[in-house]
Protein backbone atom coordinates (compact mmCIF):
# COMPACT_ATOMS: atom_id res chain seq x y z
CA MET A 1 0.00 0.00 0.00
CA SER A 2 1.45 3.35 -0.95
CA ARG A 3 2.01 6.10 1.55
CA PRO A 4 -0.68 8.62 0.43
CA PHE A 5 -3.47 6.07 0.88
CA ARG A 6 -2.58 5.07 4.44
CA GLU A 7 -4.87 6.21 7.19
CA LYS A 8 -2.42 7.35 9.85
CA ASN A 9 -3.52 9.87 12.37
CA LYS A 10 -0.82 12.33 13.45
CA ASP A 11 -1.77 12.12 17.13
CA LEU A 12 -1.46 8.32 17.12
CA VAL A 13 2.15 8.47 15.92
CA LYS A 14 3.28 10.30 19.06
CA LEU A 15 2.04 7.68 21.53
CA GLU A 16 4.26 5.85 23.99
CA VAL A 17 3.47 2.52 25.67
CA VAL A 18 4.07 2.37 29.44
CA ALA A 19 3.18 0.02 32.27
CA ALA A 20 0.61 0.75 34.97
CA ASP A 21 3.17 1.64 37.63
CA LYS A 22 4.26 4.67 35.56
CA VAL A 23 0.66 5.97 35.34
CA TRP A 24 -0.78 5.41 38.83
CA THR A 25 0.51 6.91 42.08
CA LYS A 26 -0.62 6.77 45.70
CA ASN A 27 -2.05 9.85 47.41
CA LYS A 28 -1.74 10.73 51.12
CA SER A 29 -4.58 8.44 52.16
CA GLY A 30 -3.13 5.48 50.23
CA LYS A 31 -5.62 5.45 47.34
CA SER A 32 -4.37 4.98 43.80
CA VAL A 33 -4.85 8.02 41.56
CA LEU A 34 -3.79 8.90 38.03
CA ARG A 35 -0.79 11.16 37.60
CA LYS A 36 -1.72 14.69 36.58
CA ASP A 37 1.49 15.53 34.72
CA ILE A 38 0.98 13.07 31.84
CA GLU A 39 -1.78 12.91 29.25
CA ILE A 40 -3.27 9.43 28.92
CA PHE A 41 -4.71 8.45 25.52
CA GLY A 42 -6.09 5.07 26.61
CA ARG A 43 -5.29 1.57 27.77
CA VAL A 44 -5.01 -1.87 26.21
CA ASP A 45 -5.99 -4.90 28.30
CA LYS A 46 -4.43 -8.29 27.73
CA GLY A 47 -7.75 -10.08 27.20
CA THR A 48 -9.16 -7.52 24.77
CA SER A 49 -6.01 -6.40 23.00
CA ALA A 50 -7.85 -5.47 19.79
CA PHE A 51 -9.27 -2.26 21.30
CA VAL A 52 -7.95 0.84 23.02
CA THR A 53 -10.31 1.77 25.86
CA THR A 54 -10.64 4.71 28.23
CA THR A 55 -9.08 4.76 31.68
CA ASN A 56 -11.96 4.73 34.13
CA LEU A 57 -11.46 5.77 37.73
CA SER A 58 -14.80 4.51 39.03
CA GLY A 59 -14.19 0.91 37.95
CA GLY A 60 -17.23 0.78 35.68
CA ASN A 61 -17.40 -0.18 32.03
CA HIS A 62 -14.68 1.16 29.75
CA LYS A 63 -15.53 2.88 26.47
CA VAL A 64 -13.77 1.96 23.23
CA ILE A 65 -11.68 4.82 21.82
CA GLU A 66 -9.79 3.28 18.91
CA ASP A 67 -9.06 0.01 17.18
CA THR A 68 -5.47 -1.19 17.52
CA CYS A 69 -5.18 -1.84 13.78
CA ARG A 70 -5.09 1.95 13.26
CA LEU A 71 -2.08 2.36 15.53
CA PRO A 72 1.40 2.65 14.01
CA LYS A 73 3.51 -0.50 13.80
CA ARG A 74 5.99 0.77 16.40
CA VAL A 75 3.24 1.27 18.98
CA LYS A 76 1.71 -2.14 18.26
CA ASN A 77 5.10 -3.83 18.65
CA ASP A 78 5.64 -2.02 21.97
CA ILE A 79 2.21 -3.17 23.20
CA VAL A 80 2.99 -6.79 22.33
CA LYS A 81 6.41 -6.56 23.97
CA LEU A 82 4.99 -5.12 27.18
CA LEU A 83 2.04 -7.51 27.46
CA LYS A 84 3.87 -10.67 26.43
CA SER A 85 7.51 -10.30 27.41
CA ASN A 86 7.05 -8.41 30.67
CA ASN A 87 3.96 -10.48 31.62
CA ARG A 88 1.74 -7.45 32.30
CA LYS A 89 -2.05 -7.28 32.19
CA VAL A 90 -2.51 -3.65 31.10
CA ALA A 91 -0.55 -1.34 28.80
CA TYR A 92 -1.22 2.41 28.88
CA LEU A 93 -0.81 4.70 25.90
CA ILE A 94 0.38 8.20 26.81
CA ARG A 95 1.11 11.22 24.66
CA THR A 96 4.75 12.22 24.47
CA ASP A 97 4.48 15.53 22.62
CA LYS A 98 4.98 18.64 24.73
CA LYS A 99 2.38 21.35 24.29
């Protein structure tokens, strides 16, 4: 497939795959909260690795944001490496561009 016909979204190219311990921190009372200094795009669970879902604080149902087939190859390879090689259950996608 030639380059002009590819559907690549510019904001999906600048994603980085990190583990859960880089995204969650503990507050003073010991509860886990999301870090405020990073922008989270979504998360990929090991059981449903075909979809990128939202990060939900309340523990309810997650909403589907994007299909993983639309992600760049580098990001998909990083997701596979994190979930399979490091034996993790969740991979988080964060934005790396500085605004």
